[in-house]
Amino acid sequence: DGIMLQGTSGEGVEVQFQHADGHLIDVLIHEAPLNTATGEQIGWMSSVLDISERKRGQRMAAQQQEKLEASGRLVAVGEVASTLAHELNQPLGALSSFANGLLNRLNDGSIELPELLPVVQRMARLAERAGGIIQRVNAFARRRELSPQRLDLVKLLQRVMGLFGDDNAPTPAWSLPDQRVWVEVDELLFEHLVNNLVGNAQDWAPHGDQRPQVWVELRVDPDQGMAVLSVADTGPGVSDDAQATIFNAFVSSKEGGMGMGLAICRSIVEAHHGRIVVSRDPLLGGACFTVTLPLAKPRQSKELP
């Protein structure tokens, strides 16, 4: 009744009609008054369009979007689970080794009280590192947007690299510039990136032909305006064929691995307008992952040295 009294807007009105066989049909109705040249209304003009196919397409698109969002949530859960499993494996494994060794020596009566202190201190550091990983991954999982800050990459790497070396994995050696290297990065995500790359190098380093080593180096390419971070190891390296797919999600060479670690690394680097590539390290013989990130634009005031 309201349509007949007032007509319809330009978009028309969508309603459902019932077909003679009982099924519903989506239709679009347009109603407009029929006027003479003098403005006198002498009737109505109407059209009824069958839009069932269009509505069905819209419903299918909505269902597909819902499935994509569900898949995205599933992948996010996989990322968090894979990251936790990968990063907690080393400190918890080392903590277990220290605890078992300590128990054996206590049972044998072969340890003196002064010897207990450094062992317990290392166990406490490992427990603190494991707790920090859980907090960081939890914050990473909750993060939805980048929060870039102007940071000195040298100072950030010194702090992150100082957390390695309390377990049975090869302790990384590193080389950093003497001067500050300013970048615009999300500190949490960059820390996640470094932990993933170094942890991955520690996992593979013992599987090569020489003494396990991990080498981390930061340098500046002033001509390109880029900071260049490389992480190399003595492992078997990455074959030419694998280099094309190693950063893809769900591609893993590790037993039980979900293949999300390097995919996350690539996502983090690209979110910062950088690039990550893998090659064979000429000195260590294993893989060398190289990350390039744009240097921050200099401030008006001179940076402190």
C-alpha atoms as a PDB file:
ATOM      1  CA  ASP A   1       0.000   0.000   0.000  1.00  0.00           C
ATOM      2  CA  GLY A   2       2.791   2.419   0.873  1.00  0.00           C
ATOM      3  CA  ILE A   3       4.484   1.715  -2.455  1.00  0.00           C
ATOM      4  CA  MET A   4       1.275   2.389  -4.407  1.00  0.00           C
ATOM      5  CA  LEU A   5       0.615   5.641  -2.555  1.00  0.00           C
ATOM      6  CA  GLN A   6       4.125   7.134  -2.777  1.00  0.00           C
ATOM      7  CA  GLY A   7       5.969   5.308  -5.556  1.00  0.00           C
ATOM      8  CA  THR A   8       9.475   3.899  -5.073  1.00  0.00           C
ATOM      9  CA  SER A   9      12.898   5.488  -4.806  1.00  0.00           C
ATOM     10  CA  GLY A  10      15.463   5.187  -7.564  1.00  0.00           C
ATOM     11  CA  GLU A  11      16.762   1.894  -6.159  1.00  0.00           C
ATOM     12  CA  GLY A  12      13.326   0.285  -6.090  1.00  0.00           C
ATOM     13  CA  VAL A  13      12.063  -2.070  -3.410  1.00  0.00           C
ATOM     14  CA  GLU A  14      13.196  -5.673  -2.980  1.00  0.00           C
ATOM     15  CA  VAL A  15      10.490  -8.124  -1.901  1.00  0.00           C
ATOM     16  CA  GLN A  16       9.789 -11.835  -2.187  1.00  0.00           C
ATOM     17  CA  PHE A  17       6.868 -13.311  -4.116  1.00  0.00           C
ATOM     18  CA  GLN A  18       5.648 -16.866  -3.788  1.00  0.00           C
ATOM     19  CA  HIS A  19       5.567 -18.855  -7.022  1.00  0.00           C
ATOM     20  CA  ALA A  20       2.552 -20.980  -7.877  1.00  0.00           C
ATOM     21  CA  ASP A  21       4.593 -24.092  -7.045  1.00  0.00           C
ATOM     22  CA  GLY A  22       5.384 -22.693  -3.587  1.00  0.00           C
ATOM     23  CA  HIS A  23       9.035 -21.560  -3.889  1.00  0.00           C
ATOM     24  CA  LEU A  24      10.016 -17.949  -3.186  1.00  0.00           C
ATOM     25  CA  ILE A  25      11.222 -15.516  -5.854  1.00  0.00           C
ATOM     26  CA  ASP A  26      13.270 -12.379  -5.126  1.00  0.00           C
ATOM     27  CA  VAL A  27      11.950  -9.436  -7.133  1.00  0.00           C
ATOM     28  CA  LEU A  28      12.755  -5.748  -7.509  1.00  0.00           C
ATOM     29  CA  ILE A  29       9.730  -3.454  -7.844  1.00  0.00           C
ATOM     30  CA  HIS A  30       9.769   0.035  -9.338  1.00  0.00           C
ATOM     31  CA  GLU A  31       6.595   2.174  -9.040  1.00  0.00           C
ATOM     32  CA  ALA A  32       6.182   5.712 -10.427  1.00  0.00           C
ATOM     33  CA  PRO A  33       3.153   7.932 -11.103  1.00  0.00           C
ATOM     34  CA  LEU A  34       2.038   8.348 -14.748  1.00  0.00           C
ATOM     35  CA  ASN A  35       1.365  12.065 -15.351  1.00  0.00           C
ATOM     36  CA  THR A  36       0.094  14.045 -18.316  1.00  0.00           C
ATOM     37  CA  ALA A  37       1.981  17.010 -19.773  1.00  0.00           C
ATOM     38  CA  THR A  38       0.025  19.301 -17.457  1.00  0.00           C
ATOM     39  CA  GLY A  39       1.012  17.310 -14.396  1.00  0.00           C
ATOM     40  CA  GLU A  40      -2.270  15.476 -13.878  1.00  0.00           C
ATOM     41  CA  GLN A  41      -1.784  11.929 -12.617  1.00  0.00           C
ATOM     42  CA  ILE A  42      -3.742   9.467 -14.686  1.00  0.00           C
ATOM     43  CA  GLY A  43      -2.251   6.211 -13.389  1.00  0.00           C
ATOM     44  CA  TRP A  44       0.850   4.307 -12.371  1.00  0.00           C
ATOM     45  CA  MET A  45       3.797   2.762 -14.166  1.00  0.00           C
ATOM     46  CA  SER A  46       5.355  -0.304 -12.569  1.00  0.00           C
ATOM     47  CA  SER A  47       7.969  -2.939 -13.286  1.00  0.00           C
ATOM     48  CA  VAL A  48       8.716  -6.201 -11.522  1.00  0.00           C
ATOM     49  CA  LEU A  49      12.183  -7.690 -12.160  1.00  0.00           C
ATOM     50  CA  ASP A  50      13.187 -11.213 -11.150  1.00  0.00           C
ATOM     51  CA  ILE A  51      16.475 -10.777  -9.245  1.00  0.00           C
ATOM     52  CA  SER A  52      16.640 -14.295  -7.823  1.00  0.00           C
ATOM     53  CA  GLU A  53      19.958 -15.070  -9.554  1.00  0.00           C
ATOM     54  CA  ARG A  54      21.532 -11.828  -8.356  1.00  0.00           C
ATOM     55  CA  LYS A  55      20.455 -12.456  -4.779  1.00  0.00           C
ATOM     56  CA  ARG A  56      21.707 -16.032  -4.981  1.00  0.00           C
ATOM     57  CA  GLY A  57      25.079 -14.751  -6.188  1.00  0.00           C
ATOM     58  CA  GLN A  58      25.217 -12.274  -3.308  1.00  0.00           C
ATOM     59  CA  ARG A  59      24.448 -15.024  -0.814  1.00  0.00           C
ATOM     60  CA  MET A  60      27.137 -17.258  -2.322  1.00  0.00           C
ATOM     61  CA  ALA A  61      29.663 -14.415  -2.185  1.00  0.00           C
ATOM     62  CA  ALA A  62      28.810 -13.787   1.473  1.00  0.00           C
ATOM     63  CA  GLN A  63      29.219 -17.492   2.243  1.00  0.00           C
ATOM     64  CA  GLN A  64      32.544 -17.581   0.406  1.00  0.00           C
ATOM     65  CA  GLN A  65      33.758 -14.522   2.328  1.00  0.00           C
ATOM     66  CA  GLU A  66      32.752 -16.193   5.574  1.00  0.00           C
ATOM     67  CA  LYS A  67      34.718 -19.312   4.574  1.00  0.00           C
ATOM     68  CA  LEU A  68      37.761 -17.194   3.690  1.00  0.00           C
ATOM     69  CA  GLU A  69      37.616 -15.416   7.038  1.00  0.00           C
ATOM     70  CA  ALA A  70      37.327 -18.775   8.805  1.00  0.00           C
ATOM     71  CA  SER A  71      40.345 -20.059   6.851  1.00  0.00           C
ATOM     72  CA  GLY A  72      42.249 -16.900   7.759  1.00  0.00           C
ATOM     73  CA  ARG A  73      41.514 -17.455  11.434  1.00  0.00           C
ATOM     74  CA  LEU A  74      42.667 -21.060  11.097  1.00  0.00           C
ATOM     75  CA  VAL A  75      45.936 -19.990   9.467  1.00  0.00           C
ATOM     76  CA  ALA A  76      46.461 -17.401  12.223  1.00  0.00           C
ATOM     77  CA  VAL A  77      46.016 -20.108  14.849  1.00  0.00           C
ATOM     78  CA  GLY A  78      48.502 -22.252  12.951  1.00  0.00           C
ATOM     79  CA  GLU A  79      51.008 -19.400  12.847  1.00  0.00           C
ATOM     80  CA  VAL A  80      50.811 -18.891  16.604  1.00  0.00           C
ATOM     81  CA  ALA A  81      50.964 -22.621  17.386  1.00  0.00           C
ATOM     82  CA  SER A  82      53.914 -23.168  15.032  1.00  0.00           C
ATOM     83  CA  THR A  83      55.784 -20.167  16.412  1.00  0.00           C
ATOM     84  CA  LEU A  84      55.270 -21.203  20.023  1.00  0.00           C
ATOM     85  CA  ALA A  85      56.371 -24.766  19.328  1.00  0.00           C
ATOM     86  CA  HIS A  86      59.449 -23.633  17.405  1.00  0.00           C
ATOM     87  CA  GLU A  87      60.660 -20.930  19.772  1.00  0.00           C
ATOM     88  CA  LEU A  88      59.868 -22.696  23.047  1.00  0.00           C
ATOM     89  CA  ASN A  89      61.553 -25.914  21.948  1.00  0.00           C
ATOM     90  CA  GLN A  90      65.115 -24.712  22.575  1.00  0.00           C
ATOM     91  CA  PRO A  91      64.837 -23.016  25.999  1.00  0.00           C
ATOM     92  CA  LEU A  92      62.543 -25.722  27.373  1.00  0.00           C
ATOM     93  CA  GLY A  93      64.811 -28.472  26.036  1.00  0.00           C
ATOM     94  CA  ALA A  94      67.857 -26.823  27.609  1.00  0.00           C
ATOM     95  CA  LEU A  95      65.967 -26.284  30.862  1.00  0.00           C
ATOM     96  CA  SER A  96      65.063 -29.981  30.954  1.00  0.00           C
ATOM     97  CA  SER A  97      68.707 -30.959  30.336  1.00  0.00           C
ATOM     98  CA  PHE A  98      69.954 -28.728  33.153  1.00  0.00           C
ATOM     99  CA  ALA A  99      67.288 -30.018  35.527  1.00  0.00           C
ATOM    100  CA  ASN A 100      68.032 -33.684  34.758  1.00  0.00           C
ATOM    101  CA  GLY A 101      71.768 -33.128  35.040  1.00  0.00           C
ATOM    102  CA  LEU A 102      71.326 -31.355  38.342  1.00  0.00           C
ATOM    103  CA  LEU A 103      69.095 -34.128  39.692  1.00  0.00           C
ATOM    104  CA  ASN A 104      71.628 -36.787  38.690  1.00  0.00           C
ATOM    105  CA  ARG A 105      74.467 -34.993  40.444  1.00  0.00           C
ATOM    106  CA  LEU A 106      72.343 -34.375  43.522  1.00  0.00           C
ATOM    107  CA  ASN A 107      71.408 -38.051  43.660  1.00  0.00           C
ATOM    108  CA  ASP A 108      75.064 -39.046  43.263  1.00  0.00           C
ATOM    109  CA  GLY A 109      76.178 -36.492  45.824  1.00  0.00           C
ATOM    110  CA  SER A 110      78.716 -35.243  43.260  1.00  0.00           C
ATOM    111  CA  ILE A 111      77.879 -31.528  43.393  1.00  0.00           C
ATOM    112  CA  GLU A 112      78.921 -28.979  45.996  1.00  0.00           C
ATOM    113  CA  LEU A 113      76.764 -26.068  47.122  1.00  0.00           C
ATOM    114  CA  PRO A 114      78.870 -23.387  45.332  1.00  0.00           C
ATOM    115  CA  GLU A 115      78.400 -25.289  42.062  1.00  0.00           C
ATOM    116  CA  LEU A 116      74.639 -25.074  42.373  1.00  0.00           C
ATOM    117  CA  LEU A 117      74.435 -21.298  41.983  1.00  0.00           C
ATOM    118  CA  PRO A 118      75.518 -20.904  38.307  1.00  0.00           C
ATOM    119  CA  VAL A 119      73.385 -23.875  37.234  1.00  0.00           C
ATOM    120  CA  VAL A 120      70.256 -22.523  38.933  1.00  0.00           C
ATOM    121  CA  GLN A 121      70.993 -19.050  37.547  1.00  0.00           C
ATOM    122  CA  ARG A 122      71.111 -20.446  33.990  1.00  0.00           C
ATOM    123  CA  MET A 123      67.873 -22.336  34.598  1.00  0.00           C
ATOM    124  CA  ALA A 124      66.246 -19.130  35.831  1.00  0.00           C
ATOM    125  CA  ARG A 125      67.377 -17.263  32.693  1.00  0.00           C
ATOM    126  CA  LEU A 126      66.003 -20.030  30.475  1.00  0.00           C
ATOM    127  CA  ALA A 127      62.662 -19.953  32.296  1.00  0.00           C
ATOM    128  CA  GLU A 128      62.576 -16.160  31.939  1.00  0.00           C
ATOM    129  CA  ARG A 129      63.334 -16.449  28.220  1.00  0.00           C
ATOM    130  CA  ALA A 130      60.542 -19.003  27.741  1.00  0.00           C
ATOM    131  CA  GLY A 131      58.110 -16.713  29.556  1.00  0.00           C
ATOM    132  CA  GLY A 132      59.198 -13.795  27.385  1.00  0.00           C
ATOM    133  CA  ILE A 133      58.559 -15.838  24.242  1.00  0.00           C
ATOM    134  CA  ILE A 134      55.017 -16.637  25.371  1.00  0.00           C
ATOM    135  CA  GLN A 135      54.313 -12.958  26.112  1.00  0.00           C
ATOM    136  CA  ARG A 136      55.778 -11.824  22.790  1.00  0.00           C
ATOM    137  CA  VAL A 137      53.920 -14.414  20.687  1.00  0.00           C
ATOM    138  CA  ASN A 138      50.704 -13.622  22.538  1.00  0.00           C
ATOM    139  CA  ALA A 139      51.143  -9.931  21.759  1.00  0.00           C
ATOM    140  CA  PHE A 140      52.042 -10.809  18.152  1.00  0.00           C
ATOM    141  CA  ALA A 141      48.854 -12.882  17.814  1.00  0.00           C
ATOM    142  CA  ARG A 142      46.736 -10.015  19.120  1.00  0.00           C
ATOM    143  CA  ARG A 143      48.380  -7.391  16.955  1.00  0.00           C
ATOM    144  CA  ARG A 144      46.312  -6.295  13.988  1.00  0.00           C
ATOM    145  CA  GLU A 145      48.204  -3.239  12.737  1.00  0.00           C
ATOM    146  CA  LEU A 146      51.832  -2.162  12.457  1.00  0.00           C
ATOM    147  CA  SER A 147      53.165   0.174  15.128  1.00  0.00           C
ATOM    148  CA  PRO A 148      56.411   1.408  13.555  1.00  0.00           C
ATOM    149  CA  GLN A 149      58.822   3.418  15.675  1.00  0.00           C
ATOM    150  CA  ARG A 150      62.110   5.123  14.916  1.00  0.00           C
ATOM    151  CA  LEU A 151      64.621   2.658  16.378  1.00  0.00           C
ATOM    152  CA  ASP A 152      68.357   2.093  16.393  1.00  0.00           C
ATOM    153  CA  LEU A 153      68.747  -1.333  14.810  1.00  0.00           C
ATOM    154  CA  VAL A 154      72.162  -1.860  16.432  1.00  0.00           C
ATOM    155  CA  LYS A 155      70.797  -1.403  19.955  1.00  0.00           C
ATOM    156  CA  LEU A 156      67.758  -3.561  19.187  1.00  0.00           C
ATOM    157  CA  LEU A 157      69.902  -6.404  17.806  1.00  0.00           C
ATOM    158  CA  GLN A 158      72.274  -6.231  20.777  1.00  0.00           C
ATOM    159  CA  ARG A 159      69.325  -6.773  23.112  1.00  0.00           C
ATOM    160  CA  VAL A 160      67.778  -9.582  21.058  1.00  0.00           C
ATOM    161  CA  MET A 161      71.071 -11.396  20.411  1.00  0.00           C
ATOM    162  CA  GLY A 162      71.917 -11.249  24.100  1.00  0.00           C
ATOM    163  CA  LEU A 163      69.044 -13.672  24.747  1.00  0.00           C
ATOM    164  CA  PHE A 164      70.702 -16.483  22.779  1.00  0.00           C
ATOM    165  CA  GLY A 165      73.372 -18.785  24.142  1.00  0.00           C
ATOM    166  CA  ASP A 166      71.802 -20.383  27.224  1.00  0.00           C
ATOM    167  CA  ASP A 167      70.967 -23.706  25.584  1.00  0.00           C
ATOM    168  CA  ASN A 168      72.606 -26.520  23.680  1.00  0.00           C
ATOM    169  CA  ALA A 169      72.238 -24.826  20.277  1.00  0.00           C
ATOM    170  CA  PRO A 170      75.226 -23.042  18.656  1.00  0.00           C
ATOM    171  CA  THR A 171      75.698 -19.613  20.216  1.00  0.00           C
ATOM    172  CA  PRO A 172      75.431 -16.999  17.432  1.00  0.00           C
ATOM    173  CA  ALA A 173      78.402 -14.744  16.720  1.00  0.00           C
ATOM    174  CA  TRP A 174      77.595 -11.323  15.336  1.00  0.00           C
ATOM    175  CA  SER A 175      79.068  -8.209  13.799  1.00  0.00           C
ATOM    176  CA  LEU A 176      77.321  -4.847  14.135  1.00  0.00           C
ATOM    177  CA  PRO A 177      78.294  -1.358  12.919  1.00  0.00           C
ATOM    178  CA  ASP A 178      79.892   1.075  15.353  1.00  0.00           C
ATOM    179  CA  GLN A 179      77.432   3.821  14.425  1.00  0.00           C
ATOM    180  CA  ARG A 180      73.688   3.794  14.954  1.00  0.00           C
ATOM    181  CA  VAL A 181      71.431   2.464  12.195  1.00  0.00           C
ATOM    182  CA  TRP A 182      68.030   4.164  12.245  1.00  0.00           C
ATOM    183  CA  VAL A 183      64.993   2.406  10.811  1.00  0.00           C
ATOM    184  CA  GLU A 184      61.216   2.681  11.105  1.00  0.00           C
ATOM    185  CA  VAL A 185      60.087  -0.731  12.373  1.00  0.00           C
ATOM    186  CA  ASP A 186      57.532  -2.365  14.603  1.00  0.00           C
ATOM    187  CA  GLU A 187      59.801  -3.463  17.461  1.00  0.00           C
ATOM    188  CA  LEU A 188      57.710  -6.493  18.402  1.00  0.00           C
ATOM    189  CA  LEU A 189      57.513  -7.816  14.847  1.00  0.00           C
ATOM    190  CA  PHE A 190      61.190  -7.188  14.130  1.00  0.00           C
ATOM    191  CA  GLU A 191      62.177  -9.055  17.292  1.00  0.00           C
ATOM    192  CA  HIS A 192      59.943 -11.892  16.124  1.00  0.00           C
ATOM    193  CA  LEU A 193      61.702 -11.849  12.727  1.00  0.00           C
ATOM    194  CA  VAL A 194      65.204 -12.031  14.235  1.00  0.00           C
ATOM    195  CA  ASN A 195      64.259 -14.791  16.665  1.00  0.00           C
ATOM    196  CA  ASN A 196      62.760 -16.826  13.835  1.00  0.00           C
ATOM    197  CA  LEU A 197      65.778 -16.456  11.525  1.00  0.00           C
ATOM    198  CA  VAL A 198      68.396 -17.087  14.219  1.00  0.00           C
ATOM    199  CA  GLY A 199      66.422 -19.975  15.716  1.00  0.00           C
ATOM    200  CA  ASN A 200      66.084 -21.520  12.274  1.00  0.00           C
ATOM    201  CA  ALA A 201      69.844 -21.148  11.685  1.00  0.00           C
ATOM    202  CA  GLN A 202      70.576 -22.802  15.056  1.00  0.00           C
ATOM    203  CA  ASP A 203      68.341 -25.732  14.112  1.00  0.00           C
ATOM    204  CA  TRP A 204      70.131 -26.387  10.809  1.00  0.00           C
ATOM    205  CA  ALA A 205      73.749 -25.475  11.698  1.00  0.00           C
ATOM    206  CA  PRO A 206      74.631 -28.900  13.218  1.00  0.00           C
ATOM    207  CA  HIS A 207      73.562 -30.748  10.039  1.00  0.00           C
ATOM    208  CA  GLY A 208      76.465 -29.560   7.871  1.00  0.00           C
ATOM    209  CA  ASP A 209      80.022 -30.815   7.360  1.00  0.00           C
ATOM    210  CA  GLN A 210      81.825 -28.473   9.775  1.00  0.00           C
ATOM    211  CA  ARG A 211      81.625 -27.282  13.363  1.00  0.00           C
ATOM    212  CA  PRO A 212      78.141 -25.779  13.928  1.00  0.00           C
ATOM    213  CA  GLN A 213      78.208 -21.990  13.646  1.00  0.00           C
ATOM    214  CA  VAL A 214      75.660 -19.201  13.255  1.00  0.00           C
ATOM    215  CA  TRP A 215      76.759 -15.775  12.031  1.00  0.00           C
ATOM    216  CA  VAL A 216      74.634 -12.606  12.230  1.00  0.00           C
ATOM    217  CA  GLU A 217      75.783  -9.420  10.519  1.00  0.00           C
ATOM    218  CA  LEU A 218      74.296  -5.951  10.100  1.00  0.00           C
ATOM    219  CA  ARG A 219      75.667  -3.476   7.612  1.00  0.00           C
ATOM    220  CA  VAL A 220      74.497  -0.335   5.856  1.00  0.00           C
ATOM    221  CA  ASP A 221      74.229   0.176   2.101  1.00  0.00           C
ATOM    222  CA  PRO A 222      74.322   3.994   1.878  1.00  0.00           C
ATOM    223  CA  ASP A 223      73.965   4.068  -1.922  1.00  0.00           C
ATOM    224  CA  GLN A 224      70.669   2.172  -1.758  1.00  0.00           C
ATOM    225  CA  GLY A 225      69.605   3.716   1.564  1.00  0.00           C
ATOM    226  CA  MET A 226      69.100   0.274   3.090  1.00  0.00           C
ATOM    227  CA  ALA A 227      70.009  -1.604   6.257  1.00  0.00           C
ATOM    228  CA  VAL A 228      71.154  -5.144   5.412  1.00  0.00           C
ATOM    229  CA  LEU A 229      70.807  -7.930   7.980  1.00  0.00           C
ATOM    230  CA  SER A 230      72.174 -11.389   7.182  1.00  0.00           C
ATOM    231  CA  VAL A 231      71.874 -14.634   9.160  1.00  0.00           C
ATOM    232  CA  ALA A 232      74.118 -17.508   7.987  1.00  0.00           C
ATOM    233  CA  ASP A 233      74.751 -21.030   9.243  1.00  0.00           C
ATOM    234  CA  THR A 234      76.863 -24.133   8.600  1.00  0.00           C
ATOM    235  CA  GLY A 235      73.870 -26.310   7.694  1.00  0.00           C
ATOM    236  CA  PRO A 236      73.129 -28.085   4.412  1.00  0.00           C
ATOM    237  CA  GLY A 237      71.811 -24.893   2.820  1.00  0.00           C
ATOM    238  CA  VAL A 238      68.775 -24.399   0.588  1.00  0.00           C
ATOM    239  CA  SER A 239      68.704 -25.997  -2.870  1.00  0.00           C
ATOM    240  CA  ASP A 240      67.982 -23.874  -5.948  1.00  0.00           C
ATOM    241  CA  ASP A 241      64.614 -25.580  -6.361  1.00  0.00           C
ATOM    242  CA  ALA A 242      63.615 -24.973  -2.739  1.00  0.00           C
ATOM    243  CA  GLN A 243      64.581 -21.287  -2.857  1.00  0.00           C
ATOM    244  CA  ALA A 244      61.500 -20.578  -4.982  1.00  0.00           C
ATOM    245  CA  THR A 245      59.079 -21.993  -2.400  1.00  0.00           C
ATOM    246  CA  ILE A 246      60.822 -21.781   0.965  1.00  0.00           C
ATOM    247  CA  PHE A 247      58.945 -18.611   1.982  1.00  0.00           C
ATOM    248  CA  ASN A 248      55.526 -20.076   1.113  1.00  0.00           C
ATOM    249  CA  ALA A 249      53.114 -21.029   3.881  1.00  0.00           C
ATOM    250  CA  PHE A 250      52.864 -24.705   4.814  1.00  0.00           C
ATOM    251  CA  VAL A 251      56.219 -25.537   3.184  1.00  0.00           C
ATOM    252  CA  SER A 252      58.564 -27.115   5.723  1.00  0.00           C
ATOM    253  CA  SER A 253      61.661 -29.327   5.681  1.00  0.00           C
ATOM    254  CA  LYS A 254      61.402 -30.015   9.414  1.00  0.00           C
ATOM    255  CA  GLU A 255      59.710 -33.106  10.751  1.00  0.00           C
ATOM    256  CA  GLY A 256      56.408 -31.989  12.248  1.00  0.00           C
ATOM    257  CA  GLY A 257      56.916 -28.402  11.054  1.00  0.00           C
ATOM    258  CA  MET A 258      53.951 -26.391   9.796  1.00  0.00           C
ATOM    259  CA  GLY A 259      56.067 -24.285   7.435  1.00  0.00           C
ATOM    260  CA  MET A 260      54.817 -20.977   8.837  1.00  0.00           C
ATOM    261  CA  GLY A 261      58.071 -19.547  10.269  1.00  0.00           C
ATOM    262  CA  LEU A 262      59.645 -18.251   7.057  1.00  0.00           C
ATOM    263  CA  ALA A 263      56.241 -17.287   5.635  1.00  0.00           C
ATOM    264  CA  ILE A 264      55.739 -15.068   8.693  1.00  0.00           C
ATOM    265  CA  CYS A 265      59.254 -13.652   8.236  1.00  0.00           C
ATOM    266  CA  ARG A 266      58.471 -12.675   4.655  1.00  0.00           C
ATOM    267  CA  SER A 267      55.174 -11.086   5.693  1.00  0.00           C
ATOM    268  CA  ILE A 268      56.923  -9.011   8.375  1.00  0.00           C
ATOM    269  CA  VAL A 269      59.690  -7.854   6.018  1.00  0.00           C
ATOM    270  CA  GLU A 270      57.303  -6.934   3.208  1.00  0.00           C
ATOM    271  CA  ALA A 271      55.046  -5.081   5.652  1.00  0.00           C
ATOM    272  CA  HIS A 272      58.077  -2.859   6.342  1.00  0.00           C
ATOM    273  CA  HIS A 273      58.686  -2.297   2.588  1.00  0.00           C
ATOM    274  CA  GLY A 274      61.736  -4.563   2.708  1.00  0.00           C
ATOM    275  CA  ARG A 275      62.882  -7.737   1.012  1.00  0.00           C
ATOM    276  CA  ILE A 276      64.119 -11.143   2.177  1.00  0.00           C
ATOM    277  CA  VAL A 277      66.116 -13.598   0.042  1.00  0.00           C
ATOM    278  CA  VAL A 278      68.063 -16.801   0.688  1.00  0.00           C
ATOM    279  CA  SER A 279      71.389 -17.860  -0.827  1.00  0.00           C
ATOM    280  CA  ARG A 280      74.366 -20.077   0.021  1.00  0.00           C
ATOM    281  CA  ASP A 281      76.881 -18.478   2.373  1.00  0.00           C
ATOM    282  CA  PRO A 282      80.357 -18.556   0.771  1.00  0.00           C
ATOM    283  CA  LEU A 283      82.197 -18.957   4.097  1.00  0.00           C
ATOM    284  CA  LEU A 284      79.976 -21.126   6.291  1.00  0.00           C
ATOM    285  CA  GLY A 285      78.590 -23.138   3.383  1.00  0.00           C
ATOM    286  CA  GLY A 286      74.992 -23.226   4.630  1.00  0.00           C
ATOM    287  CA  ALA A 287      72.003 -20.974   4.106  1.00  0.00           C
ATOM    288  CA  CYS A 288      72.284 -17.201   4.296  1.00  0.00           C
ATOM    289  CA  PHE A 289      69.052 -15.261   4.774  1.00  0.00           C
ATOM    290  CA  THR A 290      69.407 -11.585   3.872  1.00  0.00           C
ATOM    291  CA  VAL A 291      66.878  -8.949   4.925  1.00  0.00           C
ATOM    292  CA  THR A 292      67.006  -5.432   3.484  1.00  0.00           C
ATOM    293  CA  LEU A 293      65.030  -2.645   5.141  1.00  0.00           C
ATOM    294  CA  PRO A 294      64.815   1.044   4.189  1.00  0.00           C
ATOM    295  CA  LEU A 295      66.799   3.372   6.417  1.00  0.00           C
ATOM    296  CA  ALA A 296      64.717   5.970   8.244  1.00  0.00           C
ATOM    297  CA  LYS A 297      64.808   9.445   6.785  1.00  0.00           C
ATOM    298  CA  PRO A 298      67.145  11.705   8.774  1.00  0.00           C
ATOM    299  CA  ARG A 299      65.532  14.075  11.214  1.00  0.00           C
ATOM    300  CA  GLN A 300      65.957  17.806  11.000  1.00  0.00           C
ATOM    301  CA  SER A 301      68.080  17.778  14.127  1.00  0.00           C
ATOM    302  CA  LYS A 302      71.311  15.792  13.984  1.00  0.00           C
ATOM    303  CA  GLU A 303      71.050  12.258  15.364  1.00  0.00           C
ATOM    304  CA  LEU A 304      73.127  11.521  18.415  1.00  0.00           C
ATOM    305  CA  PRO A 305      76.146   9.382  17.560  1.00  0.00           C
END
